[in-house]
Amino acid sequence: MSQMEVHFWPDDKKIGVRPGTTLLDAGRKAKVHIRTRCGGKAACLMCKVIVQDSSGLAPMNVNERLKLGSHADEGYRLACQARVTGSVQVTVPEDPLKAAIRAQLARQAAEDDLF
């Protein structure tokens, strides 16, 4: 059985997986952290990833489309639901808490430069 390549950004990690593998499982295999709280049941919506070209993924199922709402039209997929059918590039958004901490540290550094 052939392997499909999944390329995760911004980590720049590539992994070969079997067709039908979820992006969440591919991320775990590649040691790319994708947040989840529900264990892959499409309940927490924390595993949202961005896929510019979804031709390497199976079409969204009804549950995923309903959960994502308007985000579905913006390139978002639920990593626990999106199944690989071909090579695909995936962007994992920065964890909101990490982003807030990074922004706060940057503000503090900028203020320190003023004094």
PDB file of N, CA and C in Angstrom:
ATOM      1  N   MET A   1       0.845  -1.185   0.000  1.00  0.00           N
ATOM      2  CA  MET A   1       0.000   0.000   0.000  1.00  0.00           C
ATOM      3  C   MET A   1       0.885   1.242   0.000  1.00  0.00           C
ATOM      4  N   SER A   2       0.565   2.194  -0.840  1.00  0.00           N
ATOM      5  CA  SER A   2       1.417   3.385  -0.959  1.00  0.00           C
ATOM      6  C   SER A   2       1.189   4.341   0.209  1.00  0.00           C
ATOM      7  N   GLN A   3       2.200   5.147   0.450  1.00  0.00           N
ATOM      8  CA  GLN A   3       2.145   6.133   1.526  1.00  0.00           C
ATOM      9  C   GLN A   3       1.857   7.510   0.931  1.00  0.00           C
ATOM     10  N   MET A   4       1.098   8.290   1.653  1.00  0.00           N
ATOM     11  CA  MET A   4       0.788   9.660   1.269  1.00  0.00           C
ATOM     12  C   MET A   4       1.585  10.584   2.179  1.00  0.00           C
ATOM     13  N   GLU A   5       2.118  11.670   1.611  1.00  0.00           N
ATOM     14  CA  GLU A   5       2.926  12.578   2.421  1.00  0.00           C
ATOM     15  C   GLU A   5       2.079  13.695   3.005  1.00  0.00           C
ATOM     16  N   VAL A   6       2.217  13.871   4.315  1.00  0.00           N
ATOM     17  CA  VAL A   6       1.577  14.980   5.014  1.00  0.00           C
ATOM     18  C   VAL A   6       2.704  15.879   5.508  1.00  0.00           C
ATOM     19  N   HIS A   7       2.626  17.166   5.145  1.00  0.00           N
ATOM     20  CA  HIS A   7       3.656  18.140   5.501  1.00  0.00           C
ATOM     21  C   HIS A   7       3.025  19.141   6.465  1.00  0.00           C
ATOM     22  N   PHE A   8       3.544  19.168   7.683  1.00  0.00           N
ATOM     23  CA  PHE A   8       3.001  20.054   8.712  1.00  0.00           C
ATOM     24  C   PHE A   8       3.827  21.329   8.830  1.00  0.00           C
ATOM     25  N   TRP A   9       3.120  22.462   8.830  1.00  0.00           N
ATOM     26  CA  TRP A   9       3.719  23.780   9.029  1.00  0.00           C
ATOM     27  C   TRP A   9       3.168  24.369  10.314  1.00  0.00           C
ATOM     28  N   PRO A  10       3.821  25.210  11.066  1.00  0.00           N
ATOM     29  CA  PRO A  10       5.138  25.785  10.809  1.00  0.00           C
ATOM     30  C   PRO A  10       6.287  24.884  11.252  1.00  0.00           C
ATOM     31  N   ASP A  11       6.012  23.666  11.730  1.00  0.00           N
ATOM     32  CA  ASP A  11       7.072  22.773  12.212  1.00  0.00           C
ATOM     33  C   ASP A  11       7.972  22.261  11.080  1.00  0.00           C
ATOM     34  N   ASP A  12       7.491  22.339   9.827  1.00  0.00           N
ATOM     35  CA  ASP A  12       8.224  21.823   8.672  1.00  0.00           C
ATOM     36  C   ASP A  12       8.585  20.352   8.864  1.00  0.00           C
ATOM     37  N   LYS A  13       7.579  19.566   9.254  1.00  0.00           N
ATOM     38  CA  LYS A  13       7.770  18.126   9.435  1.00  0.00           C
ATOM     39  C   LYS A  13       6.933  17.382   8.413  1.00  0.00           C
ATOM     40  N   LYS A  14       7.540  16.365   7.803  1.00  0.00           N
ATOM     41  CA  LYS A  14       6.841  15.534   6.822  1.00  0.00           C
ATOM     42  C   LYS A  14       6.744  14.118   7.356  1.00  0.00           C
ATOM     43  N   ILE A  15       5.634  13.460   7.023  1.00  0.00           N
ATOM     44  CA  ILE A  15       5.421  12.083   7.452  1.00  0.00           C
ATOM     45  C   ILE A  15       4.672  11.336   6.358  1.00  0.00           C
ATOM     46  N   GLY A  16       5.013  10.105   6.142  1.00  0.00           N
ATOM     47  CA  GLY A  16       4.275   9.256   5.209  1.00  0.00           C
ATOM     48  C   GLY A  16       3.242   8.453   5.969  1.00  0.00           C
ATOM     49  N   VAL A  17       2.007   8.480   5.498  1.00  0.00           N
ATOM     50  CA  VAL A  17       0.920   7.745   6.168  1.00  0.00           C
ATOM     51  C   VAL A  17       0.094   6.980   5.144  1.00  0.00           C
ATOM     52  N   ARG A  18      -0.650   6.019   5.626  1.00  0.00           N
ATOM     53  CA  ARG A  18      -1.549   5.265   4.753  1.00  0.00           C
ATOM     54  C   ARG A  18      -2.791   6.095   4.443  1.00  0.00           C
ATOM     55  N   PRO A  19      -3.361   5.896   3.263  1.00  0.00           N
ATOM     56  CA  PRO A  19      -4.627   6.569   2.960  1.00  0.00           C
ATOM     57  C   PRO A  19      -5.676   6.228   4.023  1.00  0.00           C
ATOM     58  N   GLY A  20      -6.467   7.228   4.398  1.00  0.00           N
ATOM     59  CA  GLY A  20      -7.500   7.018   5.410  1.00  0.00           C
ATOM     60  C   GLY A  20      -7.066   7.441   6.802  1.00  0.00           C
ATOM     61  N   THR A  21      -5.771   7.726   6.987  1.00  0.00           N
ATOM     62  CA  THR A  21      -5.262   8.192   8.280  1.00  0.00           C
ATOM     63  C   THR A  21      -5.790   9.599   8.538  1.00  0.00           C
ATOM     64  N   THR A  22      -6.207   9.875   9.775  1.00  0.00           N
ATOM     65  CA  THR A  22      -6.642  11.238  10.085  1.00  0.00           C
ATOM     66  C   THR A  22      -5.416  12.141  10.233  1.00  0.00           C
ATOM     67  N   LEU A  23      -5.628  13.433  10.030  1.00  0.00           N
ATOM     68  CA  LEU A  23      -4.542  14.387  10.222  1.00  0.00           C
ATOM     69  C   LEU A  23      -4.072  14.388  11.674  1.00  0.00           C
ATOM     70  N   LEU A  24      -4.975  14.140  12.613  1.00  0.00           N
ATOM     71  CA  LEU A  24      -4.603  14.080  14.020  1.00  0.00           C
ATOM     72  C   LEU A  24      -3.626  12.934  14.257  1.00  0.00           C
ATOM     73  N   ASP A  25      -3.924  11.761  13.704  1.00  0.00           N
ATOM     74  CA  ASP A  25      -3.026  10.614  13.856  1.00  0.00           C
ATOM     75  C   ASP A  25      -1.702  10.846  13.123  1.00  0.00           C
ATOM     76  N   ALA A  26      -1.763  11.471  11.954  1.00  0.00           N
ATOM     77  CA  ALA A  26      -0.541  11.785  11.216  1.00  0.00           C
ATOM     78  C   ALA A  26       0.324  12.750  12.019  1.00  0.00           C
ATOM     79  N   GLY A  27      -0.307  13.733  12.642  1.00  0.00           N
ATOM     80  CA  GLY A  27       0.426  14.684  13.477  1.00  0.00           C
ATOM     81  C   GLY A  27       1.098  13.997  14.654  1.00  0.00           C
ATOM     82  N   ARG A  28       0.384  13.084  15.290  1.00  0.00           N
ATOM     83  CA  ARG A  28       0.977  12.346  16.419  1.00  0.00           C
ATOM     84  C   ARG A  28       2.186  11.553  15.949  1.00  0.00           C
ATOM     85  N   LYS A  29       2.041  10.900  14.804  1.00  0.00           N
ATOM     86  CA  LYS A  29       3.124  10.091  14.256  1.00  0.00           C
ATOM     87  C   LYS A  29       4.348  10.961  13.924  1.00  0.00           C
ATOM     88  N   ALA A  30       4.105  12.191  13.455  1.00  0.00           N
ATOM     89  CA  ALA A  30       5.183  13.113  13.092  1.00  0.00           C
ATOM     90  C   ALA A  30       5.691  13.923  14.296  1.00  0.00           C
ATOM     91  N   LYS A  31       5.090  13.677  15.470  1.00  0.00           N
ATOM     92  CA  LYS A  31       5.417  14.431  16.690  1.00  0.00           C
ATOM     93  C   LYS A  31       5.123  15.923  16.531  1.00  0.00           C
ATOM     94  N   VAL A  32       4.011  16.214  15.878  1.00  0.00           N
ATOM     95  CA  VAL A  32       3.516  17.586  15.739  1.00  0.00           C
ATOM     96  C   VAL A  32       2.340  17.716  16.703  1.00  0.00           C
ATOM     97  N   HIS A  33       2.414  18.718  17.580  1.00  0.00           N
ATOM     98  CA  HIS A  33       1.358  18.875  18.580  1.00  0.00           C
ATOM     99  C   HIS A  33       0.121  19.540  17.968  1.00  0.00           C
ATOM    100  N   ILE A  34      -0.982  18.804  17.967  1.00  0.00           N
ATOM    101  CA  ILE A  34      -2.283  19.348  17.566  1.00  0.00           C
ATOM    102  C   ILE A  34      -3.173  19.222  18.791  1.00  0.00           C
ATOM    103  N   ARG A  35      -3.665  20.361  19.266  1.00  0.00           N
ATOM    104  CA  ARG A  35      -4.466  20.351  20.502  1.00  0.00           C
ATOM    105  C   ARG A  35      -5.768  19.587  20.311  1.00  0.00           C
ATOM    106  N   THR A  36      -6.144  18.839  21.337  1.00  0.00           N
ATOM    107  CA  THR A  36      -7.446  18.163  21.366  1.00  0.00           C
ATOM    108  C   THR A  36      -7.792  17.861  22.811  1.00  0.00           C
ATOM    109  N   ARG A  37      -9.062  17.868  23.099  1.00  0.00           N
ATOM    110  CA  ARG A  37      -9.515  17.547  24.444  1.00  0.00           C
ATOM    111  C   ARG A  37     -10.497  16.377  24.410  1.00  0.00           C
ATOM    112  N   CYS A  38     -11.113  16.140  23.256  1.00  0.00           N
ATOM    113  CA  CYS A  38     -12.184  15.135  23.186  1.00  0.00           C
ATOM    114  C   CYS A  38     -11.691  13.780  22.692  1.00  0.00           C
ATOM    115  N   GLY A  39     -10.405  13.674  22.366  1.00  0.00           N
ATOM    116  CA  GLY A  39      -9.867  12.399  21.912  1.00  0.00           C
ATOM    117  C   GLY A  39     -10.261  12.046  20.486  1.00  0.00           C
ATOM    118  N   GLY A  40     -10.539  13.054  19.676  1.00  0.00           N
ATOM    119  CA  GLY A  40     -10.816  12.807  18.267  1.00  0.00           C
ATOM    120  C   GLY A  40     -12.265  12.505  17.939  1.00  0.00           C
ATOM    121  N   LYS A  41     -13.187  13.027  18.741  1.00  0.00           N
ATOM    122  CA  LYS A  41     -14.610  12.758  18.524  1.00  0.00           C
ATOM    123  C   LYS A  41     -15.351  13.960  17.927  1.00  0.00           C
ATOM    124  N   ALA A  42     -14.630  14.973  17.469  1.00  0.00           N
ATOM    125  CA  ALA A  42     -15.209  16.186  16.871  1.00  0.00           C
ATOM    126  C   ALA A  42     -16.114  16.931  17.844  1.00  0.00           C
ATOM    127  N   ALA A  43     -15.776  16.866  19.142  1.00  0.00           N
ATOM    128  CA  ALA A  43     -16.611  17.522  20.138  1.00  0.00           C
ATOM    129  C   ALA A  43     -16.015  18.829  20.655  1.00  0.00           C
ATOM    130  N   CYS A  44     -14.664  18.919  20.722  1.00  0.00           N
ATOM    131  CA  CYS A  44     -14.063  20.090  21.366  1.00  0.00           C
ATOM    132  C   CYS A  44     -13.670  21.184  20.384  1.00  0.00           C
ATOM    133  N   LEU A  45     -13.522  20.866  19.117  1.00  0.00           N
ATOM    134  CA  LEU A  45     -13.132  21.811  18.064  1.00  0.00           C
ATOM    135  C   LEU A  45     -11.751  22.429  18.269  1.00  0.00           C
ATOM    136  N   MET A  46     -10.932  21.848  19.130  1.00  0.00           N
ATOM    137  CA  MET A  46      -9.597  22.394  19.391  1.00  0.00           C
ATOM    138  C   MET A  46      -8.592  22.001  18.313  1.00  0.00           C
ATOM    139  N   CYS A  47      -8.899  20.973  17.519  1.00  0.00           N
ATOM    140  CA  CYS A  47      -7.922  20.437  16.564  1.00  0.00           C
ATOM    141  C   CYS A  47      -8.046  21.073  15.178  1.00  0.00           C
ATOM    142  N   LYS A  48      -8.590  22.293  15.129  1.00  0.00           N
ATOM    143  CA  LYS A  48      -8.717  22.965  13.830  1.00  0.00           C
ATOM    144  C   LYS A  48      -7.343  23.197  13.220  1.00  0.00           C
ATOM    145  N   VAL A  49      -7.213  22.846  11.956  1.00  0.00           N
ATOM    146  CA  VAL A  49      -5.998  23.104  11.189  1.00  0.00           C
ATOM    147  C   VAL A  49      -6.407  23.787   9.894  1.00  0.00           C
ATOM    148  N   ILE A  50      -5.437  24.362   9.193  1.00  0.00           N
ATOM    149  CA  ILE A  50      -5.726  25.058   7.940  1.00  0.00           C
ATOM    150  C   ILE A  50      -5.101  24.285   6.788  1.00  0.00           C
ATOM    151  N   VAL A  51      -5.915  24.032   5.767  1.00  0.00           N
ATOM    152  CA  VAL A  51      -5.453  23.315   4.583  1.00  0.00           C
ATOM    153  C   VAL A  51      -5.842  24.159   3.372  1.00  0.00           C
ATOM    154  N   GLN A  52      -4.839  24.720   2.685  1.00  0.00           N
ATOM    155  CA  GLN A  52      -5.118  25.577   1.528  1.00  0.00           C
ATOM    156  C   GLN A  52      -5.685  24.761   0.370  1.00  0.00           C
ATOM    157  N   ASP A  53      -5.093  23.597   0.122  1.00  0.00           N
ATOM    158  CA  ASP A  53      -5.528  22.740  -0.976  1.00  0.00           C
ATOM    159  C   ASP A  53      -5.968  21.413  -0.386  1.00  0.00           C
ATOM    160  N   SER A  54      -7.270  21.209  -0.304  1.00  0.00           N
ATOM    161  CA  SER A  54      -7.787  20.005   0.355  1.00  0.00           C
ATOM    162  C   SER A  54      -7.947  18.826  -0.603  1.00  0.00           C
ATOM    163  N   SER A  55      -7.329  18.907  -1.787  1.00  0.00           N
ATOM    164  CA  SER A  55      -7.478  17.806  -2.744  1.00  0.00           C
ATOM    165  C   SER A  55      -6.841  16.517  -2.233  1.00  0.00           C
ATOM    166  N   GLY A  56      -5.928  16.604  -1.248  1.00  0.00           N
ATOM    167  CA  GLY A  56      -5.318  15.407  -0.670  1.00  0.00           C
ATOM    168  C   GLY A  56      -6.067  14.875   0.528  1.00  0.00           C
ATOM    169  N   LEU A  57      -7.287  15.389   0.738  1.00  0.00           N
ATOM    170  CA  LEU A  57      -8.112  14.938   1.862  1.00  0.00           C
ATOM    171  C   LEU A  57      -9.474  14.479   1.363  1.00  0.00           C
ATOM    172  N   ALA A  58     -10.061  13.544   2.094  1.00  0.00           N
ATOM    173  CA  ALA A  58     -11.426  13.121   1.787  1.00  0.00           C
ATOM    174  C   ALA A  58     -12.356  14.314   2.025  1.00  0.00           C
ATOM    175  N   PRO A  59     -13.462  14.395   1.289  1.00  0.00           N
ATOM    176  CA  PRO A  59     -14.411  15.498   1.519  1.00  0.00           C
ATOM    177  C   PRO A  59     -14.914  15.508   2.964  1.00  0.00           C
ATOM    178  N   MET A  60     -15.300  16.676   3.431  1.00  0.00           N
ATOM    179  CA  MET A  60     -15.834  16.796   4.790  1.00  0.00           C
ATOM    180  C   MET A  60     -17.078  15.947   4.951  1.00  0.00           C
ATOM    181  N   ASN A  61     -17.176  15.296   6.116  1.00  0.00           N
ATOM    182  CA  ASN A  61     -18.427  14.614   6.423  1.00  0.00           C
ATOM    183  C   ASN A  61     -19.400  15.654   6.979  1.00  0.00           C
ATOM    184  N   VAL A  62     -20.634  15.292   7.115  1.00  0.00           N
ATOM    185  CA  VAL A  62     -21.675  16.236   7.546  1.00  0.00           C
ATOM    186  C   VAL A  62     -21.358  16.802   8.925  1.00  0.00           C
ATOM    187  N   ASN A  63     -20.903  15.942   9.832  1.00  0.00           N
ATOM    188  CA  ASN A  63     -20.608  16.373  11.197  1.00  0.00           C
ATOM    189  C   ASN A  63     -19.509  17.434  11.209  1.00  0.00           C
ATOM    190  N   GLU A  64     -18.441  17.211  10.445  1.00  0.00           N
ATOM    191  CA  GLU A  64     -17.334  18.174  10.410  1.00  0.00           C
ATOM    192  C   GLU A  64     -17.806  19.507   9.837  1.00  0.00           C
ATOM    193  N   ARG A  65     -18.578  19.467   8.765  1.00  0.00           N
ATOM    194  CA  ARG A  65     -19.071  20.697   8.145  1.00  0.00           C
ATOM    195  C   ARG A  65     -19.964  21.476   9.121  1.00  0.00           C
ATOM    196  N   LEU A  66     -20.826  20.773   9.826  1.00  0.00           N
ATOM    197  CA  LEU A  66     -21.704  21.434  10.798  1.00  0.00           C
ATOM    198  C   LEU A  66     -20.902  22.050  11.939  1.00  0.00           C
ATOM    199  N   LYS A  67     -19.911  21.335  12.430  1.00  0.00           N
ATOM    200  CA  LYS A  67     -19.097  21.835  13.547  1.00  0.00           C
ATOM    201  C   LYS A  67     -18.289  23.064  13.146  1.00  0.00           C
ATOM    202  N   LEU A  68     -17.716  23.057  11.943  1.00  0.00           N
ATOM    203  CA  LEU A  68     -16.868  24.166  11.502  1.00  0.00           C
ATOM    204  C   LEU A  68     -17.658  25.383  11.064  1.00  0.00           C
ATOM    205  N   GLY A  69     -18.868  25.187  10.566  1.00  0.00           N
ATOM    206  CA  GLY A  69     -19.679  26.308  10.109  1.00  0.00           C
ATOM    207  C   GLY A  69     -18.965  27.096   9.025  1.00  0.00           C
ATOM    208  N   SER A  70     -18.888  28.416   9.179  1.00  0.00           N
ATOM    209  CA  SER A  70     -18.276  29.271   8.150  1.00  0.00           C
ATOM    210  C   SER A  70     -16.763  29.054   8.038  1.00  0.00           C
ATOM    211  N   HIS A  71     -16.137  28.504   9.077  1.00  0.00           N
ATOM    212  CA  HIS A  71     -14.699  28.216   9.005  1.00  0.00           C
ATOM    213  C   HIS A  71     -14.392  27.188   7.914  1.00  0.00           C
ATOM    214  N   ALA A  72     -15.375  26.357   7.585  1.00  0.00           N
ATOM    215  CA  ALA A  72     -15.168  25.335   6.549  1.00  0.00           C
ATOM    216  C   ALA A  72     -14.832  25.977   5.211  1.00  0.00           C
ATOM    217  N   ASP A  73     -15.396  27.141   4.950  1.00  0.00           N
ATOM    218  CA  ASP A  73     -15.147  27.833   3.682  1.00  0.00           C
ATOM    219  C   ASP A  73     -13.832  28.618   3.692  1.00  0.00           C
ATOM    220  N   GLU A  74     -13.179  28.696   4.860  1.00  0.00           N
ATOM    221  CA  GLU A  74     -11.928  29.435   5.000  1.00  0.00           C
ATOM    222  C   GLU A  74     -10.707  28.510   4.999  1.00  0.00           C
ATOM    223  N   GLY A  75     -10.907  27.231   4.684  1.00  0.00           N
ATOM    224  CA  GLY A  75      -9.791  26.298   4.624  1.00  0.00           C
ATOM    225  C   GLY A  75      -9.539  25.522   5.902  1.00  0.00           C
ATOM    226  N   TYR A  76     -10.390  25.703   6.903  1.00  0.00           N
ATOM    227  CA  TYR A  76     -10.208  24.972   8.156  1.00  0.00           C
ATOM    228  C   TYR A  76     -10.750  23.554   8.021  1.00  0.00           C
ATOM    229  N   ARG A  77     -10.076  22.638   8.697  1.00  0.00           N
ATOM    230  CA  ARG A  77     -10.539  21.257   8.826  1.00  0.00           C
ATOM    231  C   ARG A  77     -10.331  20.834  10.272  1.00  0.00           C
ATOM    232  N   LEU A  78     -11.089  19.851  10.716  1.00  0.00           N
ATOM    233  CA  LEU A  78     -10.856  19.252  12.029  1.00  0.00           C
ATOM    234  C   LEU A  78      -9.869  18.109  11.812  1.00  0.00           C
ATOM    235  N   ALA A  79      -8.715  18.186  12.475  1.00  0.00           N
ATOM    236  CA  ALA A  79      -7.672  17.181  12.266  1.00  0.00           C
ATOM    237  C   ALA A  79      -8.157  15.779  12.631  1.00  0.00           C
ATOM    238  N   CYS A  80      -9.101  15.695  13.551  1.00  0.00           N
ATOM    239  CA  CYS A  80      -9.592  14.374  13.969  1.00  0.00           C
ATOM    240  C   CYS A  80     -10.548  13.762  12.944  1.00  0.00           C
ATOM    241  N   GLN A  81     -11.063  14.570  12.042  1.00  0.00           N
ATOM    242  CA  GLN A  81     -12.040  14.088  11.067  1.00  0.00           C
ATOM    243  C   GLN A  81     -11.484  14.013   9.643  1.00  0.00           C
ATOM    244  N   ALA A  82     -10.528  14.873   9.312  1.00  0.00           N
ATOM    245  CA  ALA A  82      -9.986  14.953   7.952  1.00  0.00           C
ATOM    246  C   ALA A  82      -9.099  13.740   7.677  1.00  0.00           C
ATOM    247  N   ARG A  83      -9.467  12.977   6.654  1.00  0.00           N
ATOM    248  CA  ARG A  83      -8.720  11.761   6.315  1.00  0.00           C
ATOM    249  C   ARG A  83      -7.904  11.969   5.048  1.00  0.00           C
ATOM    250  N   VAL A  84      -6.654  11.508   5.108  1.00  0.00           N
ATOM    251  CA  VAL A  84      -5.709  11.681   4.020  1.00  0.00           C
ATOM    252  C   VAL A  84      -6.054  10.752   2.852  1.00  0.00           C
ATOM    253  N   THR A  85      -6.081  11.330   1.638  1.00  0.00           N
ATOM    254  CA  THR A  85      -6.286  10.533   0.417  1.00  0.00           C
ATOM    255  C   THR A  85      -5.147  10.770  -0.574  1.00  0.00           C
ATOM    256  N   GLY A  86      -4.314  11.755  -0.289  1.00  0.00           N
ATOM    257  CA  GLY A  86      -3.184  12.099  -1.151  1.00  0.00           C
ATOM    258  C   GLY A  86      -2.247  13.001  -0.376  1.00  0.00           C
ATOM    259  N   SER A  87      -1.224  13.498  -1.025  1.00  0.00           N
ATOM    260  CA  SER A  87      -0.290  14.395  -0.343  1.00  0.00           C
ATOM    261  C   SER A  87      -0.997  15.699   0.011  1.00  0.00           C
ATOM    262  N   VAL A  88      -0.651  16.231   1.173  1.00  0.00           N
ATOM    263  CA  VAL A  88      -1.339  17.429   1.655  1.00  0.00           C
ATOM    264  C   VAL A  88      -0.406  18.248   2.550  1.00  0.00           C
ATOM    265  N   GLN A  89      -0.595  19.576   2.517  1.00  0.00           N
ATOM    266  CA  GLN A  89       0.138  20.487   3.392  1.00  0.00           C
ATOM    267  C   GLN A  89      -0.840  21.058   4.409  1.00  0.00           C
ATOM    268  N   VAL A  90      -0.431  21.021   5.670  1.00  0.00           N
ATOM    269  CA  VAL A  90      -1.308  21.397   6.769  1.00  0.00           C
ATOM    270  C   VAL A  90      -0.615  22.448   7.637  1.00  0.00           C
ATOM    271  N   THR A  91      -1.322  23.528   7.949  1.00  0.00           N
ATOM    272  CA  THR A  91      -0.810  24.536   8.872  1.00  0.00           C
ATOM    273  C   THR A  91      -1.526  24.362  10.206  1.00  0.00           C
ATOM    274  N   VAL A  92      -0.737  24.177  11.253  1.00  0.00           N
ATOM    275  CA  VAL A  92      -1.287  24.044  12.603  1.00  0.00           C
ATOM    276  C   VAL A  92      -1.216  25.422  13.253  1.00  0.00           C
ATOM    277  N   PRO A  93      -2.380  26.034  13.531  1.00  0.00           N
ATOM    278  CA  PRO A  93      -2.373  27.375  14.131  1.00  0.00           C
ATOM    279  C   PRO A  93      -1.694  27.351  15.504  1.00  0.00           C
ATOM    280  N   GLU A  94      -1.095  28.485  15.861  1.00  0.00           N
ATOM    281  CA  GLU A  94      -0.443  28.587  17.167  1.00  0.00           C
ATOM    282  C   GLU A  94      -1.486  28.484  18.272  1.00  0.00           C
ATOM    283  N   ASP A  95      -1.140  27.790  19.333  1.00  0.00           N
ATOM    284  CA  ASP A  95      -1.996  27.671  20.509  1.00  0.00           C
ATOM    285  C   ASP A  95      -2.322  29.082  21.011  1.00  0.00           C
ATOM    286  N   PRO A  96      -3.609  29.407  21.241  1.00  0.00           N
ATOM    287  CA  PRO A  96      -3.988  30.767  21.645  1.00  0.00           C
ATOM    288  C   PRO A  96      -3.290  31.240  22.924  1.00  0.00           C
ATOM    289  N   LEU A  97      -3.098  30.359  23.886  1.00  0.00           N
ATOM    290  CA  LEU A  97      -2.434  30.742  25.129  1.00  0.00           C
ATOM    291  C   LEU A  97      -0.962  31.072  24.862  1.00  0.00           C
ATOM    292  N   LYS A  98      -0.296  30.238  24.062  1.00  0.00           N
ATOM    293  CA  LYS A  98       1.106  30.515  23.712  1.00  0.00           C
ATOM    294  C   LYS A  98       1.218  31.841  22.956  1.00  0.00           C
ATOM    295  N   ALA A  99       0.265  32.095  22.065  1.00  0.00           N
ATOM    296  CA  ALA A  99       0.280  33.337  21.289  1.00  0.00           C
ATOM    297  C   ALA A  99       0.144  34.543  22.219  1.00  0.00           C
ATOM    298  N   ALA A 100      -0.743  34.442  23.209  1.00  0.00           N
ATOM    299  CA  ALA A 100      -0.955  35.539  24.154  1.00  0.00           C
ATOM    300  C   ALA A 100       0.298  35.777  24.997  1.00  0.00           C
ATOM    301  N   ILE A 101       0.937  34.697  25.441  1.00  0.00           N
ATOM    302  CA  ILE A 101       2.156  34.825  26.249  1.00  0.00           C
ATOM    303  C   ILE A 101       3.275  35.437  25.413  1.00  0.00           C
ATOM    304  N   ARG A 102       3.429  34.968  24.168  1.00  0.00           N
ATOM    305  CA  ARG A 102       4.464  35.497  23.283  1.00  0.00           C
ATOM    306  C   ARG A 102       4.249  36.999  23.042  1.00  0.00           C
ATOM    307  N   ALA A 103       2.991  37.403  22.823  1.00  0.00           N
ATOM    308  CA  ALA A 103       2.680  38.816  22.597  1.00  0.00           C
ATOM    309  C   ALA A 103       3.000  39.645  23.841  1.00  0.00           C
ATOM    310  N   GLN A 104       2.669  39.115  25.014  1.00  0.00           N
ATOM    311  CA  GLN A 104       2.950  39.829  26.259  1.00  0.00           C
ATOM    312  C   GLN A 104       4.459  39.983  26.470  1.00  0.00           C
ATOM    313  N   LEU A 105       5.217  38.917  26.204  1.00  0.00           N
ATOM    314  CA  LEU A 105       6.675  38.985  26.352  1.00  0.00           C
ATOM    315  C   LEU A 105       7.272  39.994  25.370  1.00  0.00           C
ATOM    316  N   ALA A 106       6.734  40.053  24.166  1.00  0.00           N
ATOM    317  CA  ALA A 106       7.222  41.006  23.164  1.00  0.00           C
ATOM    318  C   ALA A 106       6.941  42.442  23.615  1.00  0.00           C
ATOM    319  N   ARG A 107       5.734  42.664  24.197  1.00  0.00           N
ATOM    320  CA  ARG A 107       5.398  44.003  24.709  1.00  0.00           C
ATOM    321  C   ARG A 107       6.357  44.407  25.837  1.00  0.00           C
ATOM    322  N   GLN A 108       6.621  43.456  26.753  1.00  0.00           N
ATOM    323  CA  GLN A 108       7.523  43.739  27.867  1.00  0.00           C
ATOM    324  C   GLN A 108       8.938  44.061  27.362  1.00  0.00           C
ATOM    325  N   ALA A 109       9.398  43.311  26.370  1.00  0.00           N
ATOM    326  CA  ALA A 109      10.727  43.556  25.809  1.00  0.00           C
ATOM    327  C   ALA A 109      10.792  44.925  25.166  1.00  0.00           C
ATOM    328  N   ALA A 110       9.730  45.309  24.467  1.00  0.00           N
ATOM    329  CA  ALA A 110       9.678  46.632  23.815  1.00  0.00           C
ATOM    330  C   ALA A 110       9.694  47.737  24.861  1.00  0.00           C
ATOM    331  N   GLU A 111       8.954  47.545  25.959  1.00  0.00           N
ATOM    332  CA  GLU A 111       8.938  48.532  27.026  1.00  0.00           C
ATOM    333  C   GLU A 111      10.303  48.647  27.696  1.00  0.00           C
ATOM    334  N   ASP A 112      10.977  47.493  27.885  1.00  0.00           N
ATOM    335  CA  ASP A 112      12.301  47.491  28.513  1.00  0.00           C
ATOM    336  C   ASP A 112      13.297  48.253  27.646  1.00  0.00           C
ATOM    337  N   ASP A 113      13.122  48.193  26.329  1.00  0.00           N
ATOM    338  CA  ASP A 113      14.023  48.901  25.416  1.00  0.00           C
ATOM    339  C   ASP A 113      13.872  50.415  25.542  1.00  0.00           C
ATOM    340  N   LEU A 114      12.706  50.861  26.021  1.00  0.00           N
ATOM    341  CA  LEU A 114      12.468  52.292  26.145  1.00  0.00           C
ATOM    342  C   LEU A 114      13.188  52.885  27.349  1.00  0.00           C
ATOM    343  N   PHE A 115      13.511  52.052  28.324  1.00  0.00           N
ATOM    344  CA  PHE A 115      14.118  52.565  29.572  1.00  0.00           C
ATOM    345  C   PHE A 115      15.572  52.221  29.687  1.00  0.00           C
TER     346      PHE A 115
END
